Amino acid sequence: MLDLPLVVILLLTGFINLIGALAYAARIAGVRTGRIAMSFALFNILLLFSRTSNSFLGPFLAKRIETRIHDGTGASLFLDMQLVLAAASIATLAGILLVPTGQRLFAAAIGWYQDNRSTTKLALKAASPAGLRTLRRSFRLPGLVHLKGWHMPQGIGWGVLVANCLAQSLLAVGVVASLYAGYLAPEFRVTASQLSALINGFATILLFAFIDPQLSVMTDDAVEGSVGEADFRRAIALISLSRLAGTVLAQALLLPAALLIALVAVHV
């Protein structure tokens, strides 16, 4: 029997993580076109879509927790949460594979917007037959030729990649673990659900304080020519892969994080 609520949750999770992974393509398009400010605007639009969708995910997950508790079928909740995190990993991988396509689409969107200066018209253009033709012509998958002569790009170190992996794992597991903690400690499930803000807040600070500045400086260096475009693309690929590793790590963190949150919720 089709579990429609779970399907909706998985699709919503996939959409959020697909958009998040594709957002990196906006930076590549900005370097290629030289329109950094416009590329960051597109990046922020994608981020807005992702975060708005994420605001819908919490209530769907919370409703599933409540339903399972009332039905006495909570034993399958852990598998549900694992499926949610697996959907995040699969969508992130799909986003990484579609970065070359996204980069071409963003470059086309930047050029079109530069001439027309209307977000509404840009959205209508994207949904038009001409926009669909642009999508078809822009479709590309990553080429193996980029793996030749692979090396760690200048400006991106292992510390940044590990920090990004940790931040992405916390963002992926934060809401899921806090809601599952509500099942483990049902009498304190409201408190447990609120603790996700602390986890996501720490991960957001980690992203904006340590990772985004590094990537922004490297973007500027790529525009100025002090960093080659190939190196910049490698840096984006490594950042994207560390994001994927973070969603995989979230699977291992799910139960420990939920137990810790439940413990804190009981004794806070």
C-alpha atoms as a PDB file:
ATOM      1  CA  MET A   1       0.000   0.000   0.000  1.00  0.00           C
ATOM      2  CA  LEU A   2       1.362   3.416  -0.979  1.00  0.00           C
ATOM      3  CA  ASP A   3       2.353   5.497   2.048  1.00  0.00           C
ATOM      4  CA  LEU A   4       1.430   8.885   0.578  1.00  0.00           C
ATOM      5  CA  PRO A   5       2.523  11.052   3.572  1.00  0.00           C
ATOM      6  CA  LEU A   6       5.965   9.415   3.546  1.00  0.00           C
ATOM      7  CA  VAL A   7       6.241   9.874  -0.227  1.00  0.00           C
ATOM      8  CA  VAL A   8       5.436  13.589   0.180  1.00  0.00           C
ATOM      9  CA  ILE A   9       8.088  13.918   2.907  1.00  0.00           C
ATOM     10  CA  LEU A  10      10.712  12.155   0.779  1.00  0.00           C
ATOM     11  CA  LEU A  11       9.919  14.268  -2.296  1.00  0.00           C
ATOM     12  CA  LEU A  12      10.061  17.471  -0.268  1.00  0.00           C
ATOM     13  CA  THR A  13      13.378  16.411   1.289  1.00  0.00           C
ATOM     14  CA  GLY A  14      14.731  15.580  -2.144  1.00  0.00           C
ATOM     15  CA  PHE A  15      13.659  18.943  -3.564  1.00  0.00           C
ATOM     16  CA  ILE A  16      15.301  20.847  -0.697  1.00  0.00           C
ATOM     17  CA  ASN A  17      18.618  19.053  -1.076  1.00  0.00           C
ATOM     18  CA  LEU A  18      18.577  19.099  -4.879  1.00  0.00           C
ATOM     19  CA  ILE A  19      18.165  22.880  -4.855  1.00  0.00           C
ATOM     20  CA  GLY A  20      20.885  23.227  -2.224  1.00  0.00           C
ATOM     21  CA  ALA A  21      23.367  21.198  -4.271  1.00  0.00           C
ATOM     22  CA  LEU A  22      22.507  22.998  -7.517  1.00  0.00           C
ATOM     23  CA  ALA A  23      23.019  26.398  -5.886  1.00  0.00           C
ATOM     24  CA  TYR A  24      26.789  25.956  -6.221  1.00  0.00           C
ATOM     25  CA  ALA A  25      26.367  26.097  -9.999  1.00  0.00           C
ATOM     26  CA  ALA A  26      25.387  29.777  -9.657  1.00  0.00           C
ATOM     27  CA  ARG A  27      28.909  30.583  -8.431  1.00  0.00           C
ATOM     28  CA  ILE A  28      30.474  28.846 -11.445  1.00  0.00           C
ATOM     29  CA  ALA A  29      28.134  30.763 -13.754  1.00  0.00           C
ATOM     30  CA  GLY A  30      29.114  33.997 -12.002  1.00  0.00           C
ATOM     31  CA  VAL A  31      32.814  33.338 -12.604  1.00  0.00           C
ATOM     32  CA  ARG A  32      32.216  32.381 -16.232  1.00  0.00           C
ATOM     33  CA  THR A  33      30.058  35.423 -17.002  1.00  0.00           C
ATOM     34  CA  GLY A  34      31.848  37.862 -14.691  1.00  0.00           C
ATOM     35  CA  ARG A  35      28.465  38.811 -13.149  1.00  0.00           C
ATOM     36  CA  ILE A  36      29.204  37.930  -9.526  1.00  0.00           C
ATOM     37  CA  ALA A  37      26.501  40.093  -7.924  1.00  0.00           C
ATOM     38  CA  MET A  38      23.822  38.662 -10.218  1.00  0.00           C
ATOM     39  CA  SER A  39      25.016  35.103  -9.639  1.00  0.00           C
ATOM     40  CA  PHE A  40      24.809  35.663  -5.874  1.00  0.00           C
ATOM     41  CA  ALA A  41      21.257  36.982  -6.336  1.00  0.00           C
ATOM     42  CA  LEU A  42      20.308  33.749  -8.124  1.00  0.00           C
ATOM     43  CA  PHE A  43      22.080  31.787  -5.382  1.00  0.00           C
ATOM     44  CA  ASN A  44      19.983  33.602  -2.767  1.00  0.00           C
ATOM     45  CA  ILE A  45      16.773  32.902  -4.705  1.00  0.00           C
ATOM     46  CA  LEU A  46      17.580  29.187  -4.670  1.00  0.00           C
ATOM     47  CA  LEU A  47      18.447  29.401  -0.983  1.00  0.00           C
ATOM     48  CA  LEU A  48      15.091  31.084  -0.337  1.00  0.00           C
ATOM     49  CA  PHE A  49      13.232  28.307  -2.177  1.00  0.00           C
ATOM     50  CA  SER A  50      15.183  25.678  -0.222  1.00  0.00           C
ATOM     51  CA  ARG A  51      14.559  27.258   3.182  1.00  0.00           C
ATOM     52  CA  THR A  52      10.896  27.949   2.447  1.00  0.00           C
ATOM     53  CA  SER A  53      10.422  24.302   1.484  1.00  0.00           C
ATOM     54  CA  ASN A  54      12.304  23.270   4.625  1.00  0.00           C
ATOM     55  CA  SER A  55       9.765  25.171   6.736  1.00  0.00           C
ATOM     56  CA  PHE A  56       7.070  22.832   5.370  1.00  0.00           C
ATOM     57  CA  LEU A  57       9.114  19.690   6.071  1.00  0.00           C
ATOM     58  CA  GLY A  58       9.078  20.077   9.870  1.00  0.00           C
ATOM     59  CA  PRO A  59       5.269  20.015  10.233  1.00  0.00           C
ATOM     60  CA  PHE A  60       4.991  16.989   7.903  1.00  0.00           C
ATOM     61  CA  LEU A  61       7.560  15.085   9.974  1.00  0.00           C
ATOM     62  CA  ALA A  62       5.966  16.199  13.244  1.00  0.00           C
ATOM     63  CA  LYS A  63       2.549  14.997  12.055  1.00  0.00           C
ATOM     64  CA  ARG A  64       4.061  11.619  11.204  1.00  0.00           C
ATOM     65  CA  ILE A  65       5.572  11.353  14.696  1.00  0.00           C
ATOM     66  CA  GLU A  66       2.217  12.209  16.299  1.00  0.00           C
ATOM     67  CA  THR A  67       0.367   9.733  14.098  1.00  0.00           C
ATOM     68  CA  ARG A  68       2.816   6.924  14.855  1.00  0.00           C
ATOM     69  CA  ILE A  69       2.597   7.599  18.603  1.00  0.00           C
ATOM     70  CA  HIS A  70      -1.212   7.567  18.565  1.00  0.00           C
ATOM     71  CA  ASP A  71      -1.373   4.447  16.362  1.00  0.00           C
ATOM     72  CA  GLY A  72       1.207   2.561  18.417  1.00  0.00           C
ATOM     73  CA  THR A  73       3.365   2.008  15.312  1.00  0.00           C
ATOM     74  CA  GLY A  74       6.351   4.030  16.475  1.00  0.00           C
ATOM     75  CA  ALA A  75       8.753   1.124  16.006  1.00  0.00           C
ATOM     76  CA  SER A  76       8.954   1.930  12.280  1.00  0.00           C
ATOM     77  CA  LEU A  77       9.755   5.608  12.850  1.00  0.00           C
ATOM     78  CA  PHE A  78      13.512   5.086  12.878  1.00  0.00           C
ATOM     79  CA  LEU A  79      13.314   3.530   9.419  1.00  0.00           C
ATOM     80  CA  ASP A  80      11.201   6.482   8.251  1.00  0.00           C
ATOM     81  CA  MET A  81      13.857   8.927   9.485  1.00  0.00           C
ATOM     82  CA  GLN A  82      16.599   6.918   7.768  1.00  0.00           C
ATOM     83  CA  LEU A  83      14.645   7.036   4.509  1.00  0.00           C
ATOM     84  CA  VAL A  84      14.367  10.819   4.854  1.00  0.00           C
ATOM     85  CA  LEU A  85      18.148  11.132   5.231  1.00  0.00           C
ATOM     86  CA  ALA A  86      18.676   8.687   2.356  1.00  0.00           C
ATOM     87  CA  ALA A  87      16.459  10.886   0.163  1.00  0.00           C
ATOM     88  CA  ALA A  88      18.670  13.837   1.113  1.00  0.00           C
ATOM     89  CA  SER A  89      21.801  11.939   0.013  1.00  0.00           C
ATOM     90  CA  ILE A  90      20.281  10.761  -3.275  1.00  0.00           C
ATOM     91  CA  ALA A  91      19.027  14.252  -4.135  1.00  0.00           C
ATOM     92  CA  THR A  92      22.386  15.796  -3.247  1.00  0.00           C
ATOM     93  CA  LEU A  93      24.152  13.325  -5.532  1.00  0.00           C
ATOM     94  CA  ALA A  94      21.677  14.150  -8.312  1.00  0.00           C
ATOM     95  CA  GLY A  95      22.354  17.848  -7.750  1.00  0.00           C
ATOM     96  CA  ILE A  96      26.116  17.309  -8.022  1.00  0.00           C
ATOM     97  CA  LEU A  97      25.673  15.436 -11.302  1.00  0.00           C
ATOM     98  CA  LEU A  98      23.486  18.259 -12.620  1.00  0.00           C
ATOM     99  CA  VAL A  99      25.879  21.096 -11.679  1.00  0.00           C
ATOM    100  CA  PRO A 100      27.201  21.393 -15.299  1.00  0.00           C
ATOM    101  CA  THR A 101      23.598  21.696 -16.496  1.00  0.00           C
ATOM    102  CA  GLY A 102      22.770  24.195 -13.765  1.00  0.00           C
ATOM    103  CA  GLN A 103      25.839  26.286 -14.559  1.00  0.00           C
ATOM    104  CA  ARG A 104      24.760  26.648 -18.204  1.00  0.00           C
ATOM    105  CA  LEU A 105      21.193  27.476 -17.207  1.00  0.00           C
ATOM    106  CA  PHE A 106      22.346  30.094 -14.717  1.00  0.00           C
ATOM    107  CA  ALA A 107      24.670  31.641 -17.289  1.00  0.00           C
ATOM    108  CA  ALA A 108      21.750  31.881 -19.723  1.00  0.00           C
ATOM    109  CA  ALA A 109      19.505  33.340 -17.008  1.00  0.00           C
ATOM    110  CA  ILE A 110      22.126  35.941 -16.040  1.00  0.00           C
ATOM    111  CA  GLY A 111      22.508  37.032 -19.656  1.00  0.00           C
ATOM    112  CA  TRP A 112      18.760  37.218 -20.212  1.00  0.00           C
ATOM    113  CA  TYR A 113      18.150  39.124 -16.975  1.00  0.00           C
ATOM    114  CA  GLN A 114      20.907  41.588 -17.832  1.00  0.00           C
ATOM    115  CA  ASP A 115      18.903  42.567 -20.921  1.00  0.00           C
ATOM    116  CA  ASN A 116      15.381  42.515 -19.437  1.00  0.00           C
ATOM    117  CA  ARG A 117      15.776  43.357 -15.711  1.00  0.00           C
ATOM    118  CA  SER A 118      12.598  41.573 -14.564  1.00  0.00           C
ATOM    119  CA  THR A 119      12.433  38.579 -12.222  1.00  0.00           C
ATOM    120  CA  THR A 120       8.792  37.951 -13.196  1.00  0.00           C
ATOM    121  CA  LYS A 121       9.630  37.878 -16.900  1.00  0.00           C
ATOM    122  CA  LEU A 122      12.596  35.621 -16.174  1.00  0.00           C
ATOM    123  CA  ALA A 123      10.318  33.143 -14.383  1.00  0.00           C
ATOM    124  CA  LEU A 124       7.819  33.232 -17.270  1.00  0.00           C
ATOM    125  CA  LYS A 125      10.656  32.798 -19.758  1.00  0.00           C
ATOM    126  CA  ALA A 126      11.896  29.729 -17.867  1.00  0.00           C
ATOM    127  CA  ALA A 127       8.432  28.132 -18.087  1.00  0.00           C
ATOM    128  CA  SER A 128       7.978  28.957 -21.784  1.00  0.00           C
ATOM    129  CA  PRO A 129       8.787  26.628 -24.709  1.00  0.00           C
ATOM    130  CA  ALA A 130      11.954  28.670 -25.323  1.00  0.00           C
ATOM    131  CA  GLY A 131      12.994  28.094 -21.716  1.00  0.00           C
ATOM    132  CA  LEU A 132      12.402  24.359 -22.057  1.00  0.00           C
ATOM    133  CA  ARG A 133      14.520  24.330 -25.226  1.00  0.00           C
ATOM    134  CA  THR A 134      17.293  26.076 -23.303  1.00  0.00           C
ATOM    135  CA  LEU A 135      17.004  23.416 -20.608  1.00  0.00           C
ATOM    136  CA  ARG A 136      17.311  20.654 -23.198  1.00  0.00           C
ATOM    137  CA  ARG A 137      20.336  22.271 -24.870  1.00  0.00           C
ATOM    138  CA  SER A 138      22.010  22.920 -21.514  1.00  0.00           C
ATOM    139  CA  PHE A 139      21.824  19.357 -20.246  1.00  0.00           C
ATOM    140  CA  ARG A 140      25.316  18.051 -19.471  1.00  0.00           C
ATOM    141  CA  LEU A 141      26.774  15.495 -17.097  1.00  0.00           C
ATOM    142  CA  PRO A 142      30.196  15.862 -15.446  1.00  0.00           C
ATOM    143  CA  GLY A 143      33.018  14.749 -17.737  1.00  0.00           C
ATOM    144  CA  LEU A 144      35.748  12.379 -16.599  1.00  0.00           C
ATOM    145  CA  VAL A 145      38.291  14.625 -18.341  1.00  0.00           C
ATOM    146  CA  HIS A 146      38.174  16.912 -15.275  1.00  0.00           C
ATOM    147  CA  LEU A 147      39.651  14.112 -13.162  1.00  0.00           C
ATOM    148  CA  LYS A 148      42.947  14.284 -15.058  1.00  0.00           C
ATOM    149  CA  GLY A 149      45.656  16.002 -13.099  1.00  0.00           C
ATOM    150  CA  TRP A 150      43.390  16.231 -10.061  1.00  0.00           C
ATOM    151  CA  HIS A 151      44.856  18.114  -7.105  1.00  0.00           C
ATOM    152  CA  MET A 152      43.681  20.069  -4.090  1.00  0.00           C
ATOM    153  CA  PRO A 153      42.762  23.554  -5.400  1.00  0.00           C
ATOM    154  CA  GLN A 154      44.460  26.592  -3.934  1.00  0.00           C
ATOM    155  CA  GLY A 155      42.363  28.225  -1.212  1.00  0.00           C
ATOM    156  CA  ILE A 156      40.440  25.098  -0.184  1.00  0.00           C
ATOM    157  CA  GLY A 157      41.959  22.881   2.499  1.00  0.00           C
ATOM    158  CA  TRP A 158      40.885  19.762   4.311  1.00  0.00           C
ATOM    159  CA  GLY A 159      39.780  21.871   7.271  1.00  0.00           C
ATOM    160  CA  VAL A 160      37.167  23.650   5.144  1.00  0.00           C
ATOM    161  CA  LEU A 161      35.936  20.380   3.661  1.00  0.00           C
ATOM    162  CA  VAL A 162      35.668  18.675   7.061  1.00  0.00           C
ATOM    163  CA  ALA A 163      33.889  21.720   8.535  1.00  0.00           C
ATOM    164  CA  ASN A 164      31.443  21.766   5.612  1.00  0.00           C
ATOM    165  CA  CYS A 165      30.811  18.032   6.000  1.00  0.00           C
ATOM    166  CA  LEU A 166      30.097  18.475   9.710  1.00  0.00           C
ATOM    167  CA  ALA A 167      27.855  21.508   9.145  1.00  0.00           C
ATOM    168  CA  GLN A 168      25.861  19.762   6.417  1.00  0.00           C
ATOM    169  CA  SER A 169      25.454  16.631   8.558  1.00  0.00           C
ATOM    170  CA  LEU A 170      24.089  18.738  11.434  1.00  0.00           C
ATOM    171  CA  LEU A 171      21.700  20.576   9.108  1.00  0.00           C
ATOM    172  CA  ALA A 172      20.493  17.264   7.684  1.00  0.00           C
ATOM    173  CA  VAL A 173      20.019  15.534  11.040  1.00  0.00           C
ATOM    174  CA  GLY A 174      18.911  18.464  13.212  1.00  0.00           C
ATOM    175  CA  VAL A 175      15.160  18.521  12.595  1.00  0.00           C
ATOM    176  CA  VAL A 176      14.907  14.765  12.012  1.00  0.00           C
ATOM    177  CA  ALA A 177      16.759  13.836  15.216  1.00  0.00           C
ATOM    178  CA  SER A 178      14.882  16.347  17.359  1.00  0.00           C
ATOM    179  CA  LEU A 179      11.523  15.056  16.154  1.00  0.00           C
ATOM    180  CA  TYR A 180      12.582  11.432  16.644  1.00  0.00           C
ATOM    181  CA  ALA A 181      13.746  12.411  20.147  1.00  0.00           C
ATOM    182  CA  GLY A 182      10.149  13.491  20.711  1.00  0.00           C
ATOM    183  CA  TYR A 183       9.147   9.874  20.129  1.00  0.00           C
ATOM    184  CA  LEU A 184      11.843   8.609  22.503  1.00  0.00           C
ATOM    185  CA  ALA A 185      10.687  11.057  25.193  1.00  0.00           C
ATOM    186  CA  PRO A 186       7.041  11.696  24.252  1.00  0.00           C
ATOM    187  CA  GLU A 187       6.223  13.622  27.425  1.00  0.00           C
ATOM    188  CA  PHE A 188       8.855  16.208  26.436  1.00  0.00           C
ATOM    189  CA  ARG A 189       8.450  16.107  22.663  1.00  0.00           C
ATOM    190  CA  VAL A 190       7.659  19.830  22.335  1.00  0.00           C
ATOM    191  CA  THR A 191      10.901  20.665  24.165  1.00  0.00           C
ATOM    192  CA  ALA A 192      12.818  18.187  22.017  1.00  0.00           C
ATOM    193  CA  SER A 193      11.462  19.670  18.779  1.00  0.00           C
ATOM    194  CA  GLN A 194      12.617  23.151  19.828  1.00  0.00           C
ATOM    195  CA  LEU A 195      16.175  21.941  20.383  1.00  0.00           C
ATOM    196  CA  SER A 196      16.635  21.526  16.625  1.00  0.00           C
ATOM    197  CA  ALA A 197      17.095  25.304  16.430  1.00  0.00           C
ATOM    198  CA  LEU A 198      20.279  25.007  18.509  1.00  0.00           C
ATOM    199  CA  ILE A 199      21.729  22.342  16.210  1.00  0.00           C
ATOM    200  CA  ASN A 200      20.784  24.154  13.016  1.00  0.00           C
ATOM    201  CA  GLY A 201      21.959  27.456  14.483  1.00  0.00           C
ATOM    202  CA  PHE A 202      25.405  26.053  15.248  1.00  0.00           C
ATOM    203  CA  ALA A 203      25.624  24.518  11.758  1.00  0.00           C
ATOM    204  CA  THR A 204      24.546  27.804  10.134  1.00  0.00           C
ATOM    205  CA  ILE A 205      27.186  29.746  12.084  1.00  0.00           C
ATOM    206  CA  LEU A 206      29.782  27.198  10.993  1.00  0.00           C
ATOM    207  CA  LEU A 207      28.749  27.631   7.355  1.00  0.00           C
ATOM    208  CA  PHE A 208      28.594  31.418   7.309  1.00  0.00           C
ATOM    209  CA  ALA A 209      31.619  32.064   9.525  1.00  0.00           C
ATOM    210  CA  PHE A 210      34.131  29.554   8.145  1.00  0.00           C
ATOM    211  CA  ILE A 211      33.032  28.070   4.809  1.00  0.00           C
ATOM    212  CA  ASP A 212      31.206  30.807   2.879  1.00  0.00           C
ATOM    213  CA  PRO A 213      34.012  33.388   3.360  1.00  0.00           C
ATOM    214  CA  GLN A 214      36.551  30.915   1.961  1.00  0.00           C
ATOM    215  CA  LEU A 215      34.387  30.173  -1.054  1.00  0.00           C
ATOM    216  CA  SER A 216      33.597  33.865  -1.597  1.00  0.00           C
ATOM    217  CA  VAL A 217      37.280  34.828  -1.564  1.00  0.00           C
ATOM    218  CA  MET A 218      38.041  32.046  -4.011  1.00  0.00           C
ATOM    219  CA  THR A 219      35.194  33.266  -6.248  1.00  0.00           C
ATOM    220  CA  ASP A 220      36.732  36.746  -6.296  1.00  0.00           C
ATOM    221  CA  ASP A 221      40.166  35.247  -7.041  1.00  0.00           C
ATOM    222  CA  ALA A 222      38.695  33.280  -9.938  1.00  0.00           C
ATOM    223  CA  VAL A 223      37.107  36.429 -11.398  1.00  0.00           C
ATOM    224  CA  GLU A 224      40.397  38.338 -11.053  1.00  0.00           C
ATOM    225  CA  GLY A 225      42.299  35.483 -12.693  1.00  0.00           C
ATOM    226  CA  SER A 226      44.587  34.628  -9.781  1.00  0.00           C
ATOM    227  CA  VAL A 227      42.794  31.274  -9.526  1.00  0.00           C
ATOM    228  CA  GLY A 228      42.060  29.343 -12.712  1.00  0.00           C
ATOM    229  CA  GLU A 229      38.503  28.436 -13.616  1.00  0.00           C
ATOM    230  CA  ALA A 230      39.444  24.741 -13.608  1.00  0.00           C
ATOM    231  CA  ASP A 231      40.714  25.038 -10.025  1.00  0.00           C
ATOM    232  CA  PHE A 232      37.567  26.892  -9.028  1.00  0.00           C
ATOM    233  CA  ARG A 233      35.395  24.159 -10.537  1.00  0.00           C
ATOM    234  CA  ARG A 234      37.425  21.540  -8.639  1.00  0.00           C
ATOM    235  CA  ALA A 235      36.873  23.491  -5.425  1.00  0.00           C
ATOM    236  CA  ILE A 236      33.115  23.556  -6.048  1.00  0.00           C
ATOM    237  CA  ALA A 237      33.199  19.809  -6.762  1.00  0.00           C
ATOM    238  CA  LEU A 238      35.019  19.121  -3.490  1.00  0.00           C
ATOM    239  CA  ILE A 239      32.646  21.337  -1.506  1.00  0.00           C
ATOM    240  CA  SER A 240      29.699  19.542  -3.141  1.00  0.00           C
ATOM    241  CA  LEU A 241      31.169  16.118  -2.331  1.00  0.00           C
ATOM    242  CA  SER A 242      31.743  17.162   1.283  1.00  0.00           C
ATOM    243  CA  ARG A 243      28.075  18.163   1.378  1.00  0.00           C
ATOM    244  CA  LEU A 244      27.164  14.679   0.130  1.00  0.00           C
ATOM    245  CA  ALA A 245      29.451  13.117   2.747  1.00  0.00           C
ATOM    246  CA  GLY A 246      27.650  15.186   5.381  1.00  0.00           C
ATOM    247  CA  THR A 247      24.248  13.768   4.435  1.00  0.00           C
ATOM    248  CA  VAL A 248      25.716  10.246   4.636  1.00  0.00           C
ATOM    249  CA  LEU A 249      27.310  11.019   8.018  1.00  0.00           C
ATOM    250  CA  ALA A 250      23.887  12.177   9.220  1.00  0.00           C
ATOM    251  CA  GLN A 251      22.710   8.562   9.032  1.00  0.00           C
ATOM    252  CA  ALA A 252      25.306   7.577  11.637  1.00  0.00           C
ATOM    253  CA  LEU A 253      24.496  10.622  13.792  1.00  0.00           C
ATOM    254  CA  LEU A 254      20.725  10.103  13.774  1.00  0.00           C
ATOM    255  CA  LEU A 255      20.346   7.782  16.772  1.00  0.00           C
ATOM    256  CA  PRO A 256      23.114   9.309  18.974  1.00  0.00           C
ATOM    257  CA  ALA A 257      21.778  12.812  18.256  1.00  0.00           C
ATOM    258  CA  ALA A 258      18.192  11.785  19.023  1.00  0.00           C
ATOM    259  CA  LEU A 259      19.226  10.123  22.296  1.00  0.00           C
ATOM    260  CA  LEU A 260      21.249  13.188  23.303  1.00  0.00           C
ATOM    261  CA  ILE A 261      18.392  15.563  22.464  1.00  0.00           C
ATOM    262  CA  ALA A 262      15.926  13.390  24.398  1.00  0.00           C
ATOM    263  CA  LEU A 263      18.284  13.416  27.393  1.00  0.00           C
ATOM    264  CA  VAL A 264      18.637  17.191  27.245  1.00  0.00           C
ATOM    265  CA  ALA A 265      14.884  17.664  26.816  1.00  0.00           C
ATOM    266  CA  VAL A 266      14.196  15.608  29.949  1.00  0.00           C
ATOM    267  CA  HIS A 267      16.800  17.341  32.124  1.00  0.00           C
ATOM    268  CA  VAL A 268      16.865  20.882  30.723  1.00  0.00           C
END
